[in-house]
């Protein structure tokens, strides 16, 4: 799995979990997390900077990434 796919999977999981938490708890503040992830994906598309990618690259020796 490439770093790009890991980032997309992680973002999708965080968005789904935050929406489920907002629905089940009734606390709409969880939707701020959804907005944050969405904005981070958007800025990453334009700038190429992604904090999760930096973390995954530093863990590159511990995690086996295939190209």
N, C-alpha and C. Protein backbone atom coordinates (compact mmCIF):
# COMPACT_ATOMS: atom_id res chain seq x y z
N UNK A 1 0.86 -1.17 0.00
CA UNK A 1 0.00 0.00 0.00
C UNK A 1 0.90 1.23 0.00
N UNK A 2 0.61 2.18 -0.86
CA UNK A 2 1.43 3.38 -0.96
C UNK A 2 1.00 4.39 0.11
N UNK A 3 1.85 5.37 0.32
CA UNK A 3 1.56 6.41 1.31
C UNK A 3 0.29 7.17 0.91
N UNK A 4 0.13 7.44 -0.38
CA UNK A 4 -1.07 8.16 -0.83
C UNK A 4 -2.35 7.40 -0.48
N UNK A 5 -2.34 6.10 -0.67
CA UNK A 5 -3.53 5.30 -0.36
C UNK A 5 -3.77 5.24 1.15
N UNK A 6 -2.70 5.18 1.92
CA UNK A 6 -2.84 5.17 3.37
C UNK A 6 -3.47 6.48 3.84
N UNK A 7 -3.02 7.59 3.27
CA UNK A 7 -3.56 8.90 3.63
C UNK A 7 -5.04 8.98 3.30
N UNK A 8 -5.42 8.54 2.11
CA UNK A 8 -6.83 8.58 1.72
C UNK A 8 -7.68 7.68 2.61
N UNK A 9 -7.17 6.49 2.94
CA UNK A 9 -7.91 5.58 3.81
C UNK A 9 -8.06 6.17 5.21
N UNK A 10 -6.98 6.75 5.72
CA UNK A 10 -7.03 7.35 7.05
C UNK A 10 -8.02 8.51 7.09
N UNK A 11 -7.98 9.36 6.06
CA UNK A 11 -8.90 10.49 6.00
C UNK A 11 -10.35 10.01 5.94
N UNK A 12 -10.60 9.00 5.15
CA UNK A 12 -11.95 8.46 5.06
C UNK A 12 -12.44 7.89 6.37
N UNK A 13 -11.57 7.18 7.07
CA UNK A 13 -11.94 6.60 8.37
C UNK A 13 -12.24 7.70 9.38
N UNK A 14 -11.39 8.72 9.44
CA UNK A 14 -11.59 9.82 10.40
C UNK A 14 -12.90 10.56 10.10
N UNK A 15 -13.19 10.78 8.83
CA UNK A 15 -14.43 11.46 8.46
C UNK A 15 -15.65 10.62 8.86
N UNK A 16 -15.61 9.34 8.54
CA UNK A 16 -16.74 8.48 8.90
C UNK A 16 -16.93 8.39 10.40
N UNK A 17 -15.85 8.23 11.15
CA UNK A 17 -15.95 8.13 12.60
C UNK A 17 -16.48 9.42 13.21
N UNK A 18 -16.03 10.56 12.71
CA UNK A 18 -16.49 11.82 13.28
C UNK A 18 -17.96 12.07 12.97
N UNK A 19 -18.41 11.69 11.79
CA UNK A 19 -19.83 11.85 11.45
C UNK A 19 -20.68 10.91 12.32
N UNK A 20 -20.22 9.68 12.50
CA UNK A 20 -20.95 8.73 13.35
C UNK A 20 -21.00 9.23 14.79
N UNK A 21 -19.89 9.76 15.28
CA UNK A 21 -19.88 10.30 16.64
C UNK A 21 -20.81 11.50 16.78
N UNK A 22 -20.84 12.35 15.78
CA UNK A 22 -21.74 13.51 15.83
C UNK A 22 -23.19 13.06 15.85
N UNK A 23 -23.50 12.03 15.09
CA UNK A 23 -24.88 11.54 15.04
C UNK A 23 -25.28 10.82 16.33
N UNK A 24 -24.40 9.96 16.83
CA UNK A 24 -24.77 9.15 17.99
C UNK A 24 -24.73 9.94 19.30
N UNK A 25 -23.80 10.87 19.42
CA UNK A 25 -23.71 11.63 20.67
C UNK A 25 -24.58 12.88 20.66
N UNK A 26 -24.97 13.32 19.47
CA UNK A 26 -25.74 14.55 19.37
C UNK A 26 -24.88 15.80 19.51
N UNK A 27 -23.58 15.62 19.64
CA UNK A 27 -22.65 16.74 19.79
C UNK A 27 -22.12 17.11 18.40
N UNK A 28 -22.60 18.22 17.90
CA UNK A 28 -22.23 18.66 16.55
C UNK A 28 -20.78 19.13 16.43
N UNK A 29 -20.10 19.27 17.55
CA UNK A 29 -18.69 19.70 17.51
C UNK A 29 -17.80 18.66 16.83
N UNK A 30 -18.24 17.40 16.80
CA UNK A 30 -17.47 16.38 16.09
C UNK A 30 -17.35 16.69 14.61
N UNK A 31 -18.28 17.47 14.08
CA UNK A 31 -18.23 17.82 12.66
C UNK A 31 -17.08 18.78 12.35
N UNK A 32 -16.55 19.42 13.38
CA UNK A 32 -15.35 20.25 13.17
C UNK A 32 -14.18 19.39 12.73
N UNK A 33 -14.09 18.18 13.26
CA UNK A 33 -13.03 17.26 12.84
C UNK A 33 -13.20 16.88 11.38
N UNK A 34 -14.44 16.66 10.97
CA UNK A 34 -14.71 16.36 9.56
C UNK A 34 -14.27 17.52 8.67
N UNK A 35 -14.61 18.74 9.09
CA UNK A 35 -14.20 19.92 8.33
C UNK A 35 -12.70 20.09 8.27
N UNK A 36 -12.03 19.81 9.38
CA UNK A 36 -10.57 19.93 9.42
C UNK A 36 -9.92 18.96 8.45
N UNK A 37 -10.38 17.73 8.44
CA UNK A 37 -9.80 16.73 7.53
C UNK A 37 -10.06 17.12 6.08
N UNK A 38 -11.28 17.60 5.81
CA UNK A 38 -11.59 18.03 4.45
C UNK A 38 -10.74 19.20 3.99
N UNK A 39 -10.56 20.19 4.87
CA UNK A 39 -9.71 21.33 4.52
C UNK A 39 -8.25 20.93 4.34
N UNK A 40 -7.79 19.98 5.16
CA UNK A 40 -6.42 19.51 5.04
C UNK A 40 -6.21 18.78 3.71
N UNK A 41 -7.20 17.98 3.30
CA UNK A 41 -7.10 17.32 2.00
C UNK A 41 -7.09 18.34 0.86
N UNK A 42 -7.91 19.37 0.99
CA UNK A 42 -7.97 20.40 -0.04
C UNK A 42 -6.66 21.17 -0.16
N UNK A 43 -6.11 21.60 0.99
CA UNK A 43 -4.85 22.35 0.92
C UNK A 43 -3.71 21.45 0.45
N UNK A 44 -3.77 20.17 0.78
CA UNK A 44 -2.75 19.24 0.33
C UNK A 44 -2.77 19.08 -1.18
N UNK A 45 -3.97 19.14 -1.76
CA UNK A 45 -4.09 19.02 -3.22
C UNK A 45 -3.40 20.19 -3.93
N UNK A 46 -3.44 21.37 -3.31
CA UNK A 46 -2.84 22.55 -3.94
C UNK A 46 -1.38 22.76 -3.58
N UNK A 47 -1.00 22.44 -2.34
CA UNK A 47 0.36 22.74 -1.90
C UNK A 47 1.28 21.53 -1.92
N UNK A 48 0.72 20.33 -1.85
CA UNK A 48 1.53 19.12 -1.80
C UNK A 48 2.04 18.81 -0.40
N UNK A 49 1.67 19.62 0.59
CA UNK A 49 2.11 19.41 1.97
C UNK A 49 1.04 18.65 2.73
N UNK A 50 1.44 17.53 3.33
CA UNK A 50 0.51 16.74 4.13
C UNK A 50 1.24 16.27 5.39
N UNK A 51 0.78 16.69 6.57
CA UNK A 51 1.46 16.31 7.81
C UNK A 51 1.50 14.79 8.02
N UNK A 52 0.43 14.10 7.65
CA UNK A 52 0.42 12.64 7.82
C UNK A 52 1.46 11.98 6.92
N UNK A 53 1.69 12.53 5.74
CA UNK A 53 2.70 11.97 4.85
C UNK A 53 4.09 12.08 5.48
N UNK A 54 4.36 13.20 6.14
CA UNK A 54 5.65 13.36 6.81
C UNK A 54 5.83 12.32 7.92
N UNK A 55 4.77 12.09 8.68
CA UNK A 55 4.83 11.10 9.76
C UNK A 55 5.05 9.70 9.18
N UNK A 56 4.33 9.37 8.12
CA UNK A 56 4.45 8.05 7.53
C UNK A 56 5.83 7.84 6.90
N UNK A 57 6.40 8.89 6.34
CA UNK A 57 7.74 8.77 5.76
C UNK A 57 8.78 8.54 6.85
N UNK A 58 8.60 9.18 8.01
CA UNK A 58 9.53 8.96 9.12
C UNK A 58 9.40 7.55 9.67
N UNK A 59 8.20 6.98 9.59
CA UNK A 59 7.98 5.61 10.04
C UNK A 59 8.28 4.60 8.94
N UNK A 60 8.78 5.08 7.82
CA UNK A 60 9.01 4.24 6.65
C UNK A 60 9.84 3.00 6.91
N UNK A 61 10.79 3.07 7.83
CA UNK A 61 11.60 1.90 8.12
C UNK A 61 10.83 0.87 8.93
N UNK A 62 9.87 1.34 9.74
CA UNK A 62 9.09 0.42 10.57
C UNK A 62 7.91 -0.16 9.80
N UNK A 63 7.44 0.56 8.78
CA UNK A 63 6.30 0.10 7.99
C UNK A 63 6.79 -0.20 6.58
N UNK A 64 6.39 -1.32 6.04
CA UNK A 64 6.82 -1.72 4.70
C UNK A 64 5.87 -1.12 3.67
N UNK A 65 6.32 -0.07 2.95
CA UNK A 65 5.52 0.54 1.90
C UNK A 65 5.94 -0.07 0.57
N UNK A 66 4.95 -0.44 -0.22
CA UNK A 66 5.22 -0.94 -1.56
C UNK A 66 4.84 0.13 -2.56
N UNK A 67 5.62 0.27 -3.62
CA UNK A 67 5.31 1.29 -4.63
C UNK A 67 4.34 0.75 -5.64
